[in-house]
N, C-alpha and C. Protein backbone atom coordinates (compact mmCIF):
# COMPACT_ATOMS: atom_id res chain seq x y z
N MET A 1 176.68 75.97 122.26
CA MET A 1 177.48 75.65 121.10
C MET A 1 177.45 76.81 120.10
N ILE A 2 176.27 77.38 119.85
CA ILE A 2 176.14 78.53 118.96
C ILE A 2 175.66 79.71 119.78
N GLN A 3 176.37 80.82 119.69
CA GLN A 3 175.94 82.05 120.35
C GLN A 3 175.51 83.01 119.25
N ARG A 4 174.26 83.42 119.28
CA ARG A 4 173.73 84.35 118.28
C ARG A 4 173.56 85.70 118.95
N VAL A 5 174.13 86.74 118.36
CA VAL A 5 174.18 88.04 118.99
C VAL A 5 173.47 89.09 118.14
N THR A 6 172.53 89.79 118.75
CA THR A 6 171.95 90.99 118.16
C THR A 6 172.55 92.14 118.95
N VAL A 7 173.33 92.98 118.27
CA VAL A 7 174.10 94.03 118.91
C VAL A 7 173.16 95.17 119.33
N PRO A 8 173.11 95.48 120.63
CA PRO A 8 172.18 96.51 121.13
C PRO A 8 172.35 97.88 120.49
N GLY A 9 173.56 98.27 120.12
CA GLY A 9 173.80 99.60 119.56
C GLY A 9 173.50 99.72 118.08
N LEU A 10 173.10 98.62 117.43
CA LEU A 10 172.77 98.64 116.01
C LEU A 10 171.27 98.49 115.81
N PHE A 11 170.80 98.88 114.64
CA PHE A 11 169.38 98.72 114.31
C PHE A 11 169.03 97.24 114.42
N PRO A 12 167.97 96.89 115.15
CA PRO A 12 167.64 95.47 115.34
C PRO A 12 167.15 94.84 114.04
N PRO A 13 167.80 93.76 113.61
CA PRO A 13 167.37 93.10 112.37
C PRO A 13 166.04 92.38 112.59
N PRO A 14 165.22 92.27 111.53
CA PRO A 14 163.88 91.71 111.70
C PRO A 14 163.87 90.22 112.07
N THR A 15 164.65 89.38 111.39
CA THR A 15 164.58 87.94 111.65
C THR A 15 165.94 87.25 111.56
N TYR A 16 166.99 87.97 111.84
CA TYR A 16 168.31 87.37 111.82
C TYR A 16 169.17 88.04 112.88
N SER A 17 170.32 87.46 113.18
CA SER A 17 171.21 88.06 114.16
C SER A 17 172.38 88.74 113.44
N HIS A 18 173.01 89.69 114.12
CA HIS A 18 174.17 90.37 113.53
C HIS A 18 175.38 89.45 113.46
N VAL A 19 175.56 88.59 114.47
CA VAL A 19 176.76 87.77 114.58
C VAL A 19 176.39 86.39 115.10
N SER A 20 177.05 85.35 114.55
CA SER A 20 176.97 84.01 115.12
C SER A 20 178.39 83.61 115.51
N VAL A 21 178.55 83.13 116.73
CA VAL A 21 179.86 82.73 117.24
C VAL A 21 179.83 81.24 117.56
N VAL A 22 180.86 80.53 117.10
CA VAL A 22 180.99 79.09 117.38
C VAL A 22 182.32 78.86 118.06
N GLU A 23 182.32 78.08 119.14
CA GLU A 23 183.57 77.78 119.84
C GLU A 23 184.49 76.95 118.97
N ALA A 24 185.80 77.13 119.14
CA ALA A 24 186.79 76.35 118.39
C ALA A 24 186.58 74.86 118.66
N GLY A 25 186.87 74.06 117.67
CA GLY A 25 186.72 72.61 117.82
C GLY A 25 185.39 72.09 117.31
N THR A 26 184.50 72.97 116.91
CA THR A 26 183.21 72.56 116.37
C THR A 26 183.36 72.26 114.88
N LYS A 27 182.72 71.20 114.45
CA LYS A 27 182.75 70.83 113.04
C LYS A 27 181.81 71.75 112.26
N LEU A 28 182.32 72.37 111.20
CA LEU A 28 181.53 73.28 110.38
C LEU A 28 181.39 72.72 108.96
N ALA A 29 180.25 73.03 108.33
CA ALA A 29 180.03 72.69 106.93
C ALA A 29 179.84 73.98 106.15
N PHE A 30 180.59 74.13 105.08
CA PHE A 30 180.48 75.29 104.20
C PHE A 30 179.81 74.80 102.92
N LEU A 31 178.56 75.16 102.74
CA LEU A 31 177.77 74.63 101.63
C LEU A 31 177.93 75.48 100.38
N ALA A 32 178.11 74.80 99.26
CA ALA A 32 178.13 75.49 97.97
C ALA A 32 176.76 76.06 97.73
N GLY A 33 176.66 76.98 96.81
CA GLY A 33 175.38 77.59 96.51
C GLY A 33 174.34 76.55 96.12
N SER A 34 173.22 76.58 96.81
CA SER A 34 172.10 75.72 96.47
C SER A 34 171.31 76.40 95.36
N VAL A 35 170.97 75.66 94.33
CA VAL A 35 170.34 76.23 93.14
C VAL A 35 168.98 75.56 92.90
N PRO A 36 168.11 76.17 92.07
CA PRO A 36 166.77 75.64 91.85
C PRO A 36 166.69 74.58 90.75
N LEU A 37 167.54 73.57 90.83
CA LEU A 37 167.50 72.46 89.87
C LEU A 37 166.97 71.22 90.58
N ASP A 38 166.21 70.40 89.84
CA ASP A 38 165.74 69.13 90.41
C ASP A 38 166.83 68.07 90.25
N ALA A 39 166.55 66.85 90.67
CA ALA A 39 167.54 65.77 90.65
C ALA A 39 168.02 65.44 89.24
N GLU A 40 167.23 65.80 88.24
CA GLU A 40 167.62 65.54 86.84
C GLU A 40 168.35 66.74 86.22
N GLY A 41 168.54 67.79 87.00
CA GLY A 41 169.24 68.98 86.51
C GLY A 41 168.35 69.95 85.77
N GLU A 42 167.03 69.79 85.90
CA GLU A 42 166.08 70.69 85.25
C GLU A 42 165.74 71.86 86.16
N LEU A 43 165.64 73.05 85.59
CA LEU A 43 165.26 74.24 86.34
C LEU A 43 163.82 74.10 86.85
N VAL A 44 163.61 74.40 88.13
CA VAL A 44 162.28 74.38 88.73
C VAL A 44 161.81 75.82 88.89
N GLY A 45 160.57 76.10 88.50
CA GLY A 45 159.99 77.43 88.74
C GLY A 45 160.47 78.50 87.79
N ALA A 46 160.57 78.21 86.52
CA ALA A 46 161.02 79.21 85.54
C ALA A 46 160.21 80.49 85.69
N GLY A 47 160.91 81.61 85.86
CA GLY A 47 160.26 82.91 85.97
C GLY A 47 159.62 83.21 87.31
N ASP A 48 159.69 82.29 88.26
CA ASP A 48 159.01 82.43 89.55
C ASP A 48 160.02 82.37 90.70
N PRO A 49 160.46 83.52 91.22
CA PRO A 49 161.48 83.49 92.27
C PRO A 49 161.02 82.80 93.55
N VAL A 50 159.74 82.86 93.87
CA VAL A 50 159.25 82.19 95.08
C VAL A 50 159.34 80.67 94.92
N ARG A 51 158.89 80.15 93.78
CA ARG A 51 158.97 78.69 93.55
C ARG A 51 160.43 78.26 93.50
N GLN A 52 161.29 79.07 92.89
CA GLN A 52 162.71 78.72 92.86
C GLN A 52 163.30 78.73 94.26
N ALA A 53 162.90 79.69 95.09
CA ALA A 53 163.40 79.74 96.47
C ALA A 53 162.98 78.49 97.22
N GLU A 54 161.77 78.02 97.00
CA GLU A 54 161.31 76.78 97.66
C GLU A 54 162.17 75.59 97.26
N GLN A 55 162.51 75.51 95.96
CA GLN A 55 163.36 74.40 95.50
C GLN A 55 164.78 74.54 96.05
N VAL A 56 165.28 75.77 96.10
CA VAL A 56 166.61 76.01 96.66
C VAL A 56 166.66 75.56 98.12
N ILE A 57 165.61 75.91 98.89
CA ILE A 57 165.56 75.50 100.31
C ILE A 57 165.49 73.98 100.41
N ALA A 58 164.71 73.33 99.56
CA ALA A 58 164.64 71.86 99.57
C ALA A 58 166.02 71.26 99.29
N ASN A 59 166.72 71.82 98.31
CA ASN A 59 168.07 71.32 97.99
C ASN A 59 169.05 71.60 99.12
N LEU A 60 168.95 72.77 99.72
CA LEU A 60 169.81 73.13 100.84
C LEU A 60 169.58 72.18 102.02
N THR A 61 168.32 71.84 102.24
CA THR A 61 167.97 70.90 103.31
C THR A 61 168.63 69.54 103.06
N GLU A 62 168.64 69.11 101.82
CA GLU A 62 169.29 67.84 101.46
C GLU A 62 170.81 67.92 101.66
N GLN A 63 171.40 69.06 101.31
CA GLN A 63 172.83 69.25 101.54
C GLN A 63 173.15 69.13 103.03
N LEU A 64 172.35 69.79 103.85
CA LEU A 64 172.57 69.74 105.30
C LEU A 64 172.40 68.32 105.84
N ARG A 65 171.33 67.67 105.41
CA ARG A 65 171.05 66.30 105.87
C ARG A 65 172.21 65.36 105.52
N ALA A 66 172.79 65.55 104.34
CA ALA A 66 173.86 64.67 103.87
C ALA A 66 175.09 64.71 104.77
N VAL A 67 175.27 65.81 105.51
CA VAL A 67 176.43 65.91 106.40
C VAL A 67 176.04 65.84 107.87
N GLY A 68 174.79 65.45 108.16
CA GLY A 68 174.36 65.29 109.54
C GLY A 68 173.97 66.58 110.23
N SER A 69 173.55 67.57 109.47
CA SER A 69 173.16 68.85 110.03
C SER A 69 171.71 69.14 109.67
N GLY A 70 171.28 70.37 109.95
CA GLY A 70 169.91 70.74 109.62
C GLY A 70 169.72 72.24 109.73
N ALA A 71 168.52 72.70 109.41
CA ALA A 71 168.23 74.14 109.38
C ALA A 71 168.53 74.82 110.70
N ALA A 72 168.28 74.16 111.80
CA ALA A 72 168.51 74.77 113.12
C ALA A 72 169.99 75.02 113.40
N HIS A 73 170.86 74.38 112.63
CA HIS A 73 172.30 74.51 112.85
C HIS A 73 172.97 75.48 111.88
N VAL A 74 172.18 76.13 111.03
CA VAL A 74 172.74 77.08 110.08
C VAL A 74 173.17 78.34 110.81
N LEU A 75 174.40 78.75 110.58
CA LEU A 75 174.95 79.94 111.20
C LEU A 75 174.78 81.17 110.32
N SER A 76 174.96 80.98 109.01
CA SER A 76 175.01 82.12 108.12
C SER A 76 174.57 81.72 106.73
N THR A 77 173.86 82.64 106.05
CA THR A 77 173.50 82.42 104.65
C THR A 77 173.74 83.70 103.85
N ASP A 78 173.94 83.50 102.56
CA ASP A 78 173.90 84.57 101.58
C ASP A 78 172.81 84.19 100.60
N VAL A 79 171.82 85.05 100.43
CA VAL A 79 170.67 84.78 99.58
C VAL A 79 170.76 85.72 98.38
N TYR A 80 170.89 85.13 97.19
CA TYR A 80 171.03 85.91 95.96
C TYR A 80 169.73 85.81 95.16
N VAL A 81 169.21 86.96 94.73
CA VAL A 81 167.98 87.02 93.95
C VAL A 81 168.23 87.90 92.73
N VAL A 82 167.93 87.36 91.55
CA VAL A 82 168.09 88.15 90.34
C VAL A 82 166.91 89.12 90.26
N SER A 83 167.15 90.33 90.75
CA SER A 83 166.13 91.38 90.72
C SER A 83 166.70 92.66 91.31
N SER A 84 166.14 93.76 90.85
CA SER A 84 166.47 95.05 91.47
C SER A 84 165.26 95.57 92.24
N GLU A 85 164.22 94.75 92.34
CA GLU A 85 162.98 95.11 93.02
C GLU A 85 162.97 94.56 94.44
N THR A 86 162.78 95.43 95.41
CA THR A 86 162.76 94.96 96.80
C THR A 86 161.60 94.00 97.06
N ALA A 87 160.51 94.12 96.33
CA ALA A 87 159.38 93.21 96.51
C ALA A 87 159.78 91.77 96.19
N ALA A 88 160.57 91.56 95.15
CA ALA A 88 161.03 90.21 94.81
C ALA A 88 161.97 89.68 95.89
N LEU A 89 162.86 90.53 96.38
CA LEU A 89 163.76 90.10 97.44
C LEU A 89 162.96 89.75 98.70
N SER A 90 161.98 90.55 99.03
CA SER A 90 161.14 90.30 100.20
C SER A 90 160.37 88.99 100.06
N ALA A 91 159.85 88.71 98.87
CA ALA A 91 159.10 87.47 98.64
C ALA A 91 160.00 86.25 98.84
N VAL A 92 161.23 86.33 98.37
CA VAL A 92 162.18 85.23 98.57
C VAL A 92 162.53 85.11 100.05
N TRP A 93 162.72 86.25 100.72
CA TRP A 93 163.06 86.21 102.15
C TRP A 93 161.93 85.56 102.95
N GLU A 94 160.69 85.76 102.55
CA GLU A 94 159.57 85.11 103.24
C GLU A 94 159.68 83.60 103.16
N VAL A 95 160.17 83.08 102.04
CA VAL A 95 160.38 81.63 101.89
C VAL A 95 161.49 81.18 102.84
N VAL A 96 162.56 81.97 102.93
CA VAL A 96 163.66 81.66 103.85
C VAL A 96 163.14 81.63 105.29
N GLU A 97 162.37 82.62 105.67
CA GLU A 97 161.81 82.67 107.03
C GLU A 97 160.94 81.46 107.31
N ALA A 98 160.08 81.09 106.38
CA ALA A 98 159.17 79.97 106.57
C ALA A 98 159.90 78.63 106.63
N SER A 99 161.12 78.57 106.11
CA SER A 99 161.87 77.32 106.05
C SER A 99 162.45 76.89 107.39
N GLY A 100 162.52 77.79 108.34
CA GLY A 100 163.17 77.47 109.61
C GLY A 100 164.62 77.90 109.66
N LEU A 101 165.18 78.33 108.55
CA LEU A 101 166.57 78.79 108.56
C LEU A 101 166.76 80.01 109.45
N SER A 102 165.76 80.86 109.51
CA SER A 102 165.90 82.07 110.31
C SER A 102 165.49 81.85 111.76
N GLY A 103 165.23 80.60 112.13
CA GLY A 103 164.79 80.29 113.48
C GLY A 103 165.83 80.49 114.55
N GLY A 104 167.10 80.64 114.17
CA GLY A 104 168.19 80.77 115.15
C GLY A 104 168.16 82.02 116.00
N PRO A 105 167.97 83.22 115.54
CA PRO A 105 168.06 83.52 114.11
C PRO A 105 169.51 83.45 113.66
N HIS A 106 169.72 83.22 112.38
CA HIS A 106 171.07 83.14 111.85
C HIS A 106 171.49 84.48 111.26
N SER A 107 172.75 84.59 110.90
CA SER A 107 173.26 85.79 110.23
C SER A 107 173.03 85.61 108.73
N SER A 108 172.55 86.66 108.07
CA SER A 108 172.26 86.51 106.65
C SER A 108 172.47 87.82 105.91
N THR A 109 172.76 87.66 104.61
CA THR A 109 172.81 88.80 103.69
C THR A 109 171.88 88.48 102.53
N LEU A 110 171.01 89.42 102.20
CA LEU A 110 170.07 89.28 101.09
C LEU A 110 170.50 90.25 100.00
N LEU A 111 170.77 89.71 98.80
CA LEU A 111 171.33 90.51 97.72
C LEU A 111 170.51 90.43 96.45
N GLY A 112 170.31 91.57 95.80
CA GLY A 112 169.78 91.60 94.45
C GLY A 112 170.95 91.62 93.49
N VAL A 113 170.95 90.71 92.52
CA VAL A 113 172.08 90.59 91.58
C VAL A 113 171.56 90.61 90.15
N SER A 114 172.46 90.79 89.19
CA SER A 114 172.04 90.88 87.80
C SER A 114 171.88 89.53 87.12
N CYS A 115 172.64 88.51 87.53
CA CYS A 115 172.46 87.18 86.95
C CYS A 115 173.13 86.13 87.83
N LEU A 116 172.72 84.88 87.63
CA LEU A 116 173.31 83.73 88.33
C LEU A 116 173.75 82.71 87.28
N GLY A 117 174.33 81.60 87.72
CA GLY A 117 175.03 80.69 86.83
C GLY A 117 174.24 79.89 85.82
N TYR A 118 173.00 79.52 86.10
CA TYR A 118 172.23 78.70 85.18
C TYR A 118 171.22 79.55 84.42
N PRO A 119 170.96 79.23 83.15
CA PRO A 119 169.95 79.98 82.40
C PRO A 119 168.60 79.93 83.13
N GLY A 120 168.01 81.10 83.33
CA GLY A 120 166.71 81.18 83.99
C GLY A 120 166.76 81.14 85.50
N GLN A 121 167.93 80.97 86.08
CA GLN A 121 168.06 80.91 87.54
C GLN A 121 167.84 82.28 88.14
N LEU A 122 166.97 82.33 89.16
CA LEU A 122 166.66 83.59 89.83
C LEU A 122 167.08 83.62 91.30
N VAL A 123 167.38 82.46 91.90
CA VAL A 123 167.68 82.39 93.33
C VAL A 123 168.83 81.41 93.57
N GLU A 124 169.69 81.76 94.53
CA GLU A 124 170.75 80.87 95.01
C GLU A 124 171.03 81.22 96.47
N ILE A 125 171.32 80.20 97.26
CA ILE A 125 171.63 80.42 98.68
C ILE A 125 172.88 79.62 99.04
N THR A 126 173.85 80.30 99.65
CA THR A 126 175.00 79.62 100.24
C THR A 126 174.80 79.61 101.75
N ALA A 127 175.44 78.65 102.43
CA ALA A 127 175.26 78.55 103.87
C ALA A 127 176.49 77.99 104.55
N THR A 128 176.61 78.34 105.82
CA THR A 128 177.59 77.74 106.73
C THR A 128 176.81 77.20 107.91
N ALA A 129 177.09 75.97 108.30
CA ALA A 129 176.34 75.33 109.36
C ALA A 129 177.25 74.54 110.28
N VAL A 130 176.81 74.38 111.52
CA VAL A 130 177.47 73.48 112.46
C VAL A 130 177.01 72.06 112.14
N VAL A 131 177.94 71.11 112.24
CA VAL A 131 177.58 69.71 112.14
C VAL A 131 177.69 69.15 113.56
N PRO A 132 176.55 68.91 114.21
CA PRO A 132 176.59 68.47 115.60
C PRO A 132 177.17 67.07 115.73
N GLU A 133 177.77 66.81 116.88
CA GLU A 133 178.30 65.49 117.17
C GLU A 133 177.13 64.52 117.28
N PRO A 134 177.30 63.31 116.73
CA PRO A 134 176.22 62.32 116.86
C PRO A 134 175.93 62.04 118.33
N THR A 135 174.67 61.81 118.65
CA THR A 135 174.29 61.50 120.01
C THR A 135 173.92 60.02 120.15
N GLY A 136 174.56 59.36 121.06
CA GLY A 136 174.27 57.97 121.44
C GLY A 136 173.81 57.04 120.35
N PRO A 137 173.60 55.78 120.70
CA PRO A 137 173.19 54.75 119.73
C PRO A 137 171.75 54.84 119.32
């Protein structure tokens, strides 16, 4: 159902694939950016990109669950981190790796940006995932 390709002629990526291919007719979910807010709309992990990444992953997991999908079905992500320091980006990527999202491995882009939509927000992740057909009763 999902073909993940690491292109032999390109530099091998550490924990993601260059391309994910899905056959036509597969149900896809395009997830809005998952943000580090709790159910009451409060920012989680003020000043801490790792804690915010953990909350973002938890919220992303809920988004996937709501449509009958999961981390193993994620095809692609864009990971945004408010920082110009590669150490901060790497710390957030470690949270992504530990979450199972990179288990495919999936295709991903990791970006350092100047700001995100909510005051104090340091991390946001968008995703595209396959929604598998339900299996039996």
